[in-house]
Amino acid sequence: MIAGDQAKSGGASPPLPKGAKGDRDTRGRFRSGHQLGGPGNPFAQRVAQLRSMILEAVTEDDLRAVILALIKRAKDGDISAIRELLDRLVGKAPSPVLLDLQELEERKLRLAEDRQVAVRWKT
């Protein structure tokens, strides 16, 4: 760098790319030694502690009683219990794809056109 250029810039480093912090170089890349990853989930340790407490407190007999109560409610016609039981046993049902009638007709027309093109190419 020429002495005059250094005086103009005040000896400061070149401006950082938009949104960059001091941990990036002039091309926007992370500088060497940059810490990888983010801070992680700040609640993960607490959630793990709570899960451990639940696992220690709930016995197999407790869990069996809860499951039997859910099955009884489902057999009695409780829709939410039926849904929960089926979701746990066979997985959640996929959400339906909703098509309006106009879109359905457009798809039928495109399919018919595609078939006509395919037939033309065969002959």
C-alpha atoms as a PDB file:
ATOM      1  CA  MET A   1       0.000   0.000   0.000  1.00  0.00           C
ATOM      2  CA  ILE A   2       1.289   3.451  -0.845  1.00  0.00           C
ATOM      3  CA  ALA A   3       1.775   5.905   2.018  1.00  0.00           C
ATOM      4  CA  GLY A   4      -0.818   8.267   0.524  1.00  0.00           C
ATOM      5  CA  ASP A   5      -3.400   5.474   0.280  1.00  0.00           C
ATOM      6  CA  GLN A   6      -2.791   4.520   3.904  1.00  0.00           C
ATOM      7  CA  ALA A   7      -3.315   8.118   4.956  1.00  0.00           C
ATOM      8  CA  LYS A   8      -6.606   8.259   3.025  1.00  0.00           C
ATOM      9  CA  SER A   9      -7.938   5.116   4.648  1.00  0.00           C
ATOM     10  CA  GLY A  10      -6.597   6.093   8.048  1.00  0.00           C
ATOM     11  CA  GLY A  11      -4.687   2.802   8.239  1.00  0.00           C
ATOM     12  CA  ALA A  12      -7.959   0.927   8.786  1.00  0.00           C
ATOM     13  CA  SER A  13      -8.718  -2.412   7.152  1.00  0.00           C
ATOM     14  CA  PRO A  14     -10.945  -2.413   4.052  1.00  0.00           C
ATOM     15  CA  PRO A  15     -14.695  -2.269   4.621  1.00  0.00           C
ATOM     16  CA  LEU A  16     -16.417  -5.559   5.337  1.00  0.00           C
ATOM     17  CA  PRO A  17     -19.022  -6.995   2.972  1.00  0.00           C
ATOM     18  CA  LYS A  18     -22.646  -6.170   3.719  1.00  0.00           C
ATOM     19  CA  GLY A  19     -23.819  -7.953   6.868  1.00  0.00           C
ATOM     20  CA  ALA A  20     -20.326  -9.217   7.698  1.00  0.00           C
ATOM     21  CA  LYS A  21     -18.781  -9.033  11.118  1.00  0.00           C
ATOM     22  CA  GLY A  22     -15.141  -9.002  12.106  1.00  0.00           C
ATOM     23  CA  ASP A  23     -14.968 -12.801  11.786  1.00  0.00           C
ATOM     24  CA  ARG A  24     -14.990 -12.632   7.951  1.00  0.00           C
ATOM     25  CA  ASP A  25     -12.331 -11.624   5.449  1.00  0.00           C
ATOM     26  CA  THR A  26     -12.699  -9.014   2.717  1.00  0.00           C
ATOM     27  CA  ARG A  27     -14.349 -11.590   0.414  1.00  0.00           C
ATOM     28  CA  GLY A  28     -16.981 -12.467   3.014  1.00  0.00           C
ATOM     29  CA  ARG A  29     -15.493 -15.838   3.936  1.00  0.00           C
ATOM     30  CA  PHE A  30     -14.900 -16.885   7.527  1.00  0.00           C
ATOM     31  CA  ARG A  31     -11.368 -16.260   8.722  1.00  0.00           C
ATOM     32  CA  SER A  32      -9.235 -19.145   9.920  1.00  0.00           C
ATOM     33  CA  GLY A  33      -9.860 -20.074  13.512  1.00  0.00           C
ATOM     34  CA  HIS A  34     -13.535 -19.122  13.310  1.00  0.00           C
ATOM     35  CA  GLN A  35     -15.654 -21.151  15.698  1.00  0.00           C
ATOM     36  CA  LEU A  36     -17.773 -23.674  13.810  1.00  0.00           C
ATOM     37  CA  GLY A  37     -21.479 -24.010  14.459  1.00  0.00           C
ATOM     38  CA  GLY A  38     -23.768 -21.925  16.567  1.00  0.00           C
ATOM     39  CA  PRO A  39     -24.498 -21.828  20.269  1.00  0.00           C
ATOM     40  CA  GLY A  40     -26.835 -24.821  20.030  1.00  0.00           C
ATOM     41  CA  ASN A  41     -30.132 -25.205  21.834  1.00  0.00           C
ATOM     42  CA  PRO A  42     -29.945 -23.411  25.184  1.00  0.00           C
ATOM     43  CA  PHE A  43     -32.801 -25.555  26.554  1.00  0.00           C
ATOM     44  CA  ALA A  44     -31.429 -28.977  25.516  1.00  0.00           C
ATOM     45  CA  GLN A  45     -29.759 -29.689  28.849  1.00  0.00           C
ATOM     46  CA  ARG A  46     -32.880 -28.768  30.820  1.00  0.00           C
ATOM     47  CA  VAL A  47     -35.108 -30.872  28.547  1.00  0.00           C
ATOM     48  CA  ALA A  48     -32.746 -33.826  29.009  1.00  0.00           C
ATOM     49  CA  GLN A  49     -32.968 -33.407  32.802  1.00  0.00           C
ATOM     50  CA  LEU A  50     -36.775 -33.326  32.683  1.00  0.00           C
ATOM     51  CA  ARG A  51     -36.900 -36.416  30.485  1.00  0.00           C
ATOM     52  CA  SER A  52     -34.646 -38.242  32.903  1.00  0.00           C
ATOM     53  CA  MET A  53     -36.950 -37.282  35.779  1.00  0.00           C
ATOM     54  CA  ILE A  54     -39.987 -38.569  33.901  1.00  0.00           C
ATOM     55  CA  LEU A  55     -38.249 -41.842  33.018  1.00  0.00           C
ATOM     56  CA  GLU A  56     -37.304 -42.334  36.659  1.00  0.00           C
ATOM     57  CA  ALA A  57     -40.814 -41.546  37.932  1.00  0.00           C
ATOM     58  CA  VAL A  58     -42.926 -43.527  35.435  1.00  0.00           C
ATOM     59  CA  THR A  59     -42.901 -47.283  35.854  1.00  0.00           C
ATOM     60  CA  GLU A  60     -43.806 -49.870  33.236  1.00  0.00           C
ATOM     61  CA  ASP A  61     -47.064 -50.482  35.101  1.00  0.00           C
ATOM     62  CA  ASP A  62     -47.863 -46.742  34.988  1.00  0.00           C
ATOM     63  CA  LEU A  63     -47.267 -46.649  31.255  1.00  0.00           C
ATOM     64  CA  ARG A  64     -49.338 -49.799  30.723  1.00  0.00           C
ATOM     65  CA  ALA A  65     -52.231 -48.237  32.676  1.00  0.00           C
ATOM     66  CA  VAL A  66     -52.068 -45.061  30.572  1.00  0.00           C
ATOM     67  CA  ILE A  67     -52.056 -47.064  27.341  1.00  0.00           C
ATOM     68  CA  LEU A  68     -54.993 -49.178  28.493  1.00  0.00           C
ATOM     69  CA  ALA A  69     -56.919 -46.008  29.415  1.00  0.00           C
ATOM     70  CA  LEU A  70     -56.242 -44.600  25.942  1.00  0.00           C
ATOM     71  CA  ILE A  71     -57.447 -47.839  24.341  1.00  0.00           C
ATOM     72  CA  LYS A  72     -60.606 -47.811  26.481  1.00  0.00           C
ATOM     73  CA  ARG A  73     -61.393 -44.205  25.493  1.00  0.00           C
ATOM     74  CA  ALA A  74     -60.839 -45.098  21.832  1.00  0.00           C
ATOM     75  CA  LYS A  75     -63.156 -48.117  22.108  1.00  0.00           C
ATOM     76  CA  ASP A  76     -65.800 -45.890  23.737  1.00  0.00           C
ATOM     77  CA  GLY A  77     -65.746 -43.690  20.626  1.00  0.00           C
ATOM     78  CA  ASP A  78     -63.548 -40.782  21.737  1.00  0.00           C
ATOM     79  CA  ILE A  79     -62.358 -39.439  18.371  1.00  0.00           C
ATOM     80  CA  SER A  80     -59.236 -37.754  19.785  1.00  0.00           C
ATOM     81  CA  ALA A  81     -58.228 -41.009  21.523  1.00  0.00           C
ATOM     82  CA  ILE A  82     -58.847 -42.969  18.311  1.00  0.00           C
ATOM     83  CA  ARG A  83     -56.745 -40.497  16.319  1.00  0.00           C
ATOM     84  CA  GLU A  84     -53.919 -40.558  18.889  1.00  0.00           C
ATOM     85  CA  LEU A  85     -53.885 -44.346  19.023  1.00  0.00           C
ATOM     86  CA  LEU A  86     -53.863 -44.739  15.235  1.00  0.00           C
ATOM     87  CA  ASP A  87     -51.227 -42.007  14.808  1.00  0.00           C
ATOM     88  CA  ARG A  88     -48.971 -43.846  17.241  1.00  0.00           C
ATOM     89  CA  LEU A  89     -49.597 -47.270  15.722  1.00  0.00           C
ATOM     90  CA  VAL A  90     -49.590 -46.642  11.963  1.00  0.00           C
ATOM     91  CA  GLY A  91     -48.310 -43.081  11.661  1.00  0.00           C
ATOM     92  CA  LYS A  92     -50.057 -39.854  10.825  1.00  0.00           C
ATOM     93  CA  ALA A  93     -52.204 -39.848   7.713  1.00  0.00           C
ATOM     94  CA  PRO A  94     -50.808 -37.713   4.900  1.00  0.00           C
ATOM     95  CA  SER A  95     -52.606 -34.436   4.412  1.00  0.00           C
ATOM     96  CA  PRO A  96     -54.928 -34.542   1.417  1.00  0.00           C
ATOM     97  CA  VAL A  97     -54.086 -32.702  -1.765  1.00  0.00           C
ATOM     98  CA  LEU A  98     -56.939 -30.339  -2.515  1.00  0.00           C
ATOM     99  CA  LEU A  99     -57.583 -29.456  -6.140  1.00  0.00           C
ATOM    100  CA  ASP A 100     -60.247 -27.150  -7.383  1.00  0.00           C
ATOM    101  CA  LEU A 101     -62.379 -28.361 -10.272  1.00  0.00           C
ATOM    102  CA  GLN A 102     -60.856 -25.956 -12.767  1.00  0.00           C
ATOM    103  CA  GLU A 103     -57.347 -27.160 -11.978  1.00  0.00           C
ATOM    104  CA  LEU A 104     -58.522 -30.772 -12.264  1.00  0.00           C
ATOM    105  CA  GLU A 105     -59.980 -30.099 -15.727  1.00  0.00           C
ATOM    106  CA  GLU A 106     -56.747 -28.364 -16.799  1.00  0.00           C
ATOM    107  CA  ARG A 107     -54.740 -31.388 -15.687  1.00  0.00           C
ATOM    108  CA  LYS A 108     -57.034 -33.704 -17.634  1.00  0.00           C
ATOM    109  CA  LEU A 109     -56.591 -31.574 -20.773  1.00  0.00           C
ATOM    110  CA  ARG A 110     -52.794 -31.545 -20.401  1.00  0.00           C
ATOM    111  CA  LEU A 111     -52.750 -35.310 -19.919  1.00  0.00           C
ATOM    112  CA  ALA A 112     -54.873 -35.806 -23.037  1.00  0.00           C
ATOM    113  CA  GLU A 113     -52.583 -33.493 -25.031  1.00  0.00           C
ATOM    114  CA  ASP A 114     -49.502 -35.343 -23.792  1.00  0.00           C
ATOM    115  CA  ARG A 115     -51.041 -38.647 -24.889  1.00  0.00           C
ATOM    116  CA  GLN A 116     -51.823 -37.241 -28.344  1.00  0.00           C
ATOM    117  CA  VAL A 117     -48.230 -36.060 -28.718  1.00  0.00           C
ATOM    118  CA  ALA A 118     -46.933 -39.464 -27.638  1.00  0.00           C
ATOM    119  CA  VAL A 119     -49.166 -41.198 -30.205  1.00  0.00           C
ATOM    120  CA  ARG A 120     -47.941 -38.850 -32.994  1.00  0.00           C
ATOM    121  CA  TRP A 121     -44.320 -39.611 -32.204  1.00  0.00           C
ATOM    122  CA  LYS A 122     -44.918 -43.374 -32.321  1.00  0.00           C
ATOM    123  CA  THR A 123     -46.282 -43.283 -35.884  1.00  0.00           C
END
